[in-house]
Amino acid sequence: MLRLQRGLRGEKEMVVERQDLASYTGNIGAEVLSTHRVVLLMEQAARNTIENLLPKGKITVGTSISIEHFAATPRG
């Protein structure tokens, strides 16, 4: 089993596009980054953090997440 150390950091950057907005998935008028897209970014950052630590041919998957998404990020 892979043992992770405290302090590992990963990043994932993006430019918010129309398909990333809450309004795009049905929350009419919410022209901000959707929470489900924030979760995807978090998963990508986590993967970027440990991908070089995983044995060849192994991947990581998320099984549980708990977040509070308070900051609105507009398109662009």
N, C-alpha and C. Protein backbone atom coordinates (compact mmCIF):
# COMPACT_ATOMS: atom_id res chain seq x y z
N MET A 1 0.84 -1.18 0.00
CA MET A 1 0.00 0.00 0.00
C MET A 1 0.88 1.25 0.00
N LEU A 2 0.51 2.23 -0.78
CA LEU A 2 1.23 3.50 -0.87
C LEU A 2 1.03 4.31 0.40
N ARG A 3 2.12 4.76 0.99
CA ARG A 3 2.04 5.61 2.18
C ARG A 3 2.40 7.03 1.77
N LEU A 4 1.46 7.94 1.99
CA LEU A 4 1.66 9.34 1.62
C LEU A 4 2.20 10.12 2.80
N GLN A 5 3.03 11.11 2.51
CA GLN A 5 3.58 11.97 3.55
C GLN A 5 2.81 13.28 3.60
N ARG A 6 2.72 13.85 4.78
CA ARG A 6 2.10 15.17 4.92
C ARG A 6 2.88 16.20 4.11
N GLY A 7 2.14 17.19 3.63
CA GLY A 7 2.79 18.29 2.94
C GLY A 7 2.87 18.13 1.43
N LEU A 8 2.44 16.99 0.90
CA LEU A 8 2.43 16.84 -0.56
C LEU A 8 1.48 17.86 -1.16
N ARG A 9 1.86 18.41 -2.31
CA ARG A 9 1.01 19.42 -2.95
C ARG A 9 0.91 19.12 -4.44
N GLY A 10 -0.26 19.38 -4.97
CA GLY A 10 -0.47 19.25 -6.40
C GLY A 10 -1.27 20.44 -6.89
N GLU A 11 -1.21 20.68 -8.18
CA GLU A 11 -1.92 21.82 -8.75
C GLU A 11 -2.64 21.40 -10.02
N LYS A 12 -3.67 22.13 -10.33
CA LYS A 12 -4.38 22.01 -11.60
C LYS A 12 -4.99 23.37 -11.87
N GLU A 13 -4.65 23.96 -12.99
CA GLU A 13 -5.19 25.27 -13.35
C GLU A 13 -6.11 25.12 -14.54
N MET A 14 -7.04 26.07 -14.65
CA MET A 14 -7.96 26.08 -15.78
C MET A 14 -8.48 27.48 -16.00
N VAL A 15 -9.00 27.73 -17.16
CA VAL A 15 -9.75 28.94 -17.45
C VAL A 15 -11.22 28.52 -17.48
N VAL A 16 -12.05 29.20 -16.73
CA VAL A 16 -13.47 28.84 -16.64
C VAL A 16 -14.16 29.18 -17.96
N GLU A 17 -14.71 28.17 -18.58
CA GLU A 17 -15.43 28.31 -19.85
C GLU A 17 -16.93 28.10 -19.61
N ARG A 18 -17.71 28.32 -20.65
CA ARG A 18 -19.17 28.22 -20.54
C ARG A 18 -19.62 26.87 -19.97
N GLN A 19 -19.01 25.79 -20.44
CA GLN A 19 -19.42 24.45 -20.01
C GLN A 19 -19.04 24.16 -18.56
N ASP A 20 -18.26 25.03 -17.93
CA ASP A 20 -17.87 24.86 -16.53
C ASP A 20 -18.81 25.59 -15.57
N LEU A 21 -19.73 26.38 -16.11
CA LEU A 21 -20.61 27.20 -15.29
C LEU A 21 -21.79 26.39 -14.73
N ALA A 22 -22.25 26.79 -13.56
CA ALA A 22 -23.42 26.16 -12.96
C ALA A 22 -24.64 26.33 -13.86
N SER A 23 -24.73 27.46 -14.55
CA SER A 23 -25.87 27.71 -15.44
C SER A 23 -25.89 26.74 -16.61
N TYR A 24 -24.75 26.25 -17.03
CA TYR A 24 -24.66 25.32 -18.15
C TYR A 24 -25.33 23.99 -17.83
N THR A 25 -25.33 23.63 -16.56
CA THR A 25 -25.94 22.36 -16.16
C THR A 25 -27.31 22.53 -15.52
N GLY A 26 -27.92 23.70 -15.73
CA GLY A 26 -29.31 23.86 -15.32
C GLY A 26 -29.59 24.85 -14.21
N ASN A 27 -28.58 25.37 -13.55
CA ASN A 27 -28.80 26.35 -12.49
C ASN A 27 -28.85 27.74 -13.14
N ILE A 28 -29.99 28.03 -13.75
CA ILE A 28 -30.17 29.24 -14.56
C ILE A 28 -29.82 30.49 -13.76
N GLY A 29 -29.01 31.35 -14.36
CA GLY A 29 -28.60 32.60 -13.74
C GLY A 29 -27.32 32.51 -12.93
N ALA A 30 -26.85 31.30 -12.67
CA ALA A 30 -25.61 31.12 -11.89
C ALA A 30 -24.43 31.05 -12.85
N GLU A 31 -23.95 32.20 -13.24
CA GLU A 31 -22.86 32.30 -14.22
C GLU A 31 -21.51 32.21 -13.52
N VAL A 32 -21.34 31.18 -12.72
CA VAL A 32 -20.11 30.97 -11.94
C VAL A 32 -19.69 29.51 -12.05
N LEU A 33 -18.44 29.24 -11.70
CA LEU A 33 -17.90 27.89 -11.73
C LEU A 33 -18.76 26.96 -10.88
N SER A 34 -19.16 25.85 -11.46
CA SER A 34 -20.03 24.91 -10.75
C SER A 34 -19.25 24.11 -9.71
N THR A 35 -19.94 23.71 -8.66
CA THR A 35 -19.30 22.93 -7.61
C THR A 35 -18.79 21.59 -8.14
N HIS A 36 -19.54 20.96 -9.04
CA HIS A 36 -19.05 19.66 -9.54
C HIS A 36 -17.76 19.84 -10.35
N ARG A 37 -17.58 21.00 -10.98
CA ARG A 37 -16.32 21.26 -11.69
C ARG A 37 -15.18 21.52 -10.69
N VAL A 38 -15.50 22.16 -9.56
CA VAL A 38 -14.50 22.35 -8.50
C VAL A 38 -14.02 20.99 -7.99
N VAL A 39 -14.95 20.07 -7.80
CA VAL A 39 -14.59 18.72 -7.34
C VAL A 39 -13.68 18.04 -8.36
N LEU A 40 -14.00 18.17 -9.64
CA LEU A 40 -13.15 17.58 -10.68
C LEU A 40 -11.74 18.17 -10.61
N LEU A 41 -11.63 19.48 -10.43
CA LEU A 41 -10.32 20.11 -10.31
C LEU A 41 -9.55 19.58 -9.10
N MET A 42 -10.26 19.39 -8.01
CA MET A 42 -9.62 18.85 -6.81
C MET A 42 -9.11 17.43 -7.06
N GLU A 43 -9.90 16.62 -7.75
CA GLU A 43 -9.47 15.26 -8.06
C GLU A 43 -8.25 15.27 -8.98
N GLN A 44 -8.25 16.18 -9.96
CA GLN A 44 -7.11 16.28 -10.87
C GLN A 44 -5.85 16.74 -10.13
N ALA A 45 -5.99 17.70 -9.23
CA ALA A 45 -4.85 18.16 -8.44
C ALA A 45 -4.31 17.04 -7.55
N ALA A 46 -5.21 16.27 -6.96
CA ALA A 46 -4.79 15.15 -6.12
C ALA A 46 -4.04 14.11 -6.95
N ARG A 47 -4.56 13.83 -8.13
CA ARG A 47 -3.88 12.87 -9.01
C ARG A 47 -2.50 13.39 -9.40
N ASN A 48 -2.42 14.69 -9.74
CA ASN A 48 -1.14 15.28 -10.12
C ASN A 48 -0.13 15.21 -8.97
N THR A 49 -0.63 15.24 -7.75
CA THR A 49 0.23 15.19 -6.57
C THR A 49 0.94 13.85 -6.45
N ILE A 50 0.22 12.77 -6.70
CA ILE A 50 0.79 11.45 -6.40
C ILE A 50 1.08 10.59 -7.62
N GLU A 51 0.80 11.06 -8.83
CA GLU A 51 0.96 10.18 -9.98
C GLU A 51 2.39 9.66 -10.13
N ASN A 52 3.39 10.45 -9.75
CA ASN A 52 4.77 9.98 -9.86
C ASN A 52 5.17 9.05 -8.71
N LEU A 53 4.32 8.94 -7.70
CA LEU A 53 4.60 8.07 -6.56
C LEU A 53 3.96 6.69 -6.72
N LEU A 54 3.01 6.58 -7.64
CA LEU A 54 2.29 5.32 -7.84
C LEU A 54 3.15 4.32 -8.60
N PRO A 55 3.01 3.04 -8.27
CA PRO A 55 3.70 2.01 -9.05
C PRO A 55 3.19 2.03 -10.50
N LYS A 56 4.05 1.65 -11.42
CA LYS A 56 3.70 1.63 -12.84
C LYS A 56 2.42 0.82 -13.05
N GLY A 57 1.50 1.38 -13.82
CA GLY A 57 0.25 0.71 -14.13
C GLY A 57 -0.85 0.90 -13.11
N LYS A 58 -0.58 1.64 -12.04
CA LYS A 58 -1.58 1.88 -11.00
C LYS A 58 -2.17 3.28 -11.15
N ILE A 59 -3.42 3.44 -10.72
CA ILE A 59 -4.10 4.72 -10.74
C ILE A 59 -4.72 4.98 -9.37
N THR A 60 -5.25 6.16 -9.21
CA THR A 60 -5.96 6.49 -7.98
C THR A 60 -7.37 6.94 -8.35
N VAL A 61 -8.32 6.66 -7.49
CA VAL A 61 -9.70 7.08 -7.70
C VAL A 61 -10.24 7.68 -6.41
N GLY A 62 -11.16 8.62 -6.54
CA GLY A 62 -11.79 9.20 -5.36
C GLY A 62 -12.93 8.33 -4.88
N THR A 63 -13.11 8.24 -3.58
CA THR A 63 -14.21 7.45 -3.03
C THR A 63 -15.13 8.26 -2.14
N SER A 64 -14.64 9.40 -1.65
CA SER A 64 -15.46 10.22 -0.75
C SER A 64 -14.92 11.64 -0.77
N ILE A 65 -15.83 12.61 -0.67
CA ILE A 65 -15.40 14.00 -0.64
C ILE A 65 -16.42 14.82 0.14
N SER A 66 -15.94 15.78 0.89
CA SER A 66 -16.79 16.70 1.64
C SER A 66 -16.18 18.08 1.52
N ILE A 67 -16.89 18.99 0.84
CA ILE A 67 -16.36 20.34 0.65
C ILE A 67 -17.45 21.37 0.93
N GLU A 68 -17.01 22.59 1.16
CA GLU A 68 -17.89 23.75 1.20
C GLU A 68 -17.35 24.71 0.15
N HIS A 69 -18.17 25.06 -0.82
CA HIS A 69 -17.76 25.90 -1.95
C HIS A 69 -18.43 27.26 -1.79
N PHE A 70 -17.69 28.23 -1.26
CA PHE A 70 -18.26 29.54 -0.96
C PHE A 70 -17.87 30.64 -1.94
N ALA A 71 -16.75 30.52 -2.61
CA ALA A 71 -16.26 31.60 -3.46
C ALA A 71 -16.73 31.42 -4.90
N ALA A 72 -17.42 32.40 -5.42
CA ALA A 72 -17.91 32.35 -6.80
C ALA A 72 -16.80 32.77 -7.75
N THR A 73 -16.58 31.96 -8.80
CA THR A 73 -15.58 32.27 -9.81
C THR A 73 -16.29 32.43 -11.15
N PRO A 74 -16.24 33.61 -11.76
CA PRO A 74 -16.93 33.84 -13.02
C PRO A 74 -16.18 33.24 -14.21
N ARG A 75 -16.82 33.23 -15.33
CA ARG A 75 -16.21 32.76 -16.58
C ARG A 75 -15.00 33.61 -16.92
N GLY A 76 -13.99 32.98 -17.50
CA GLY A 76 -12.81 33.69 -17.97
C GLY A 76 -11.69 33.65 -17.00
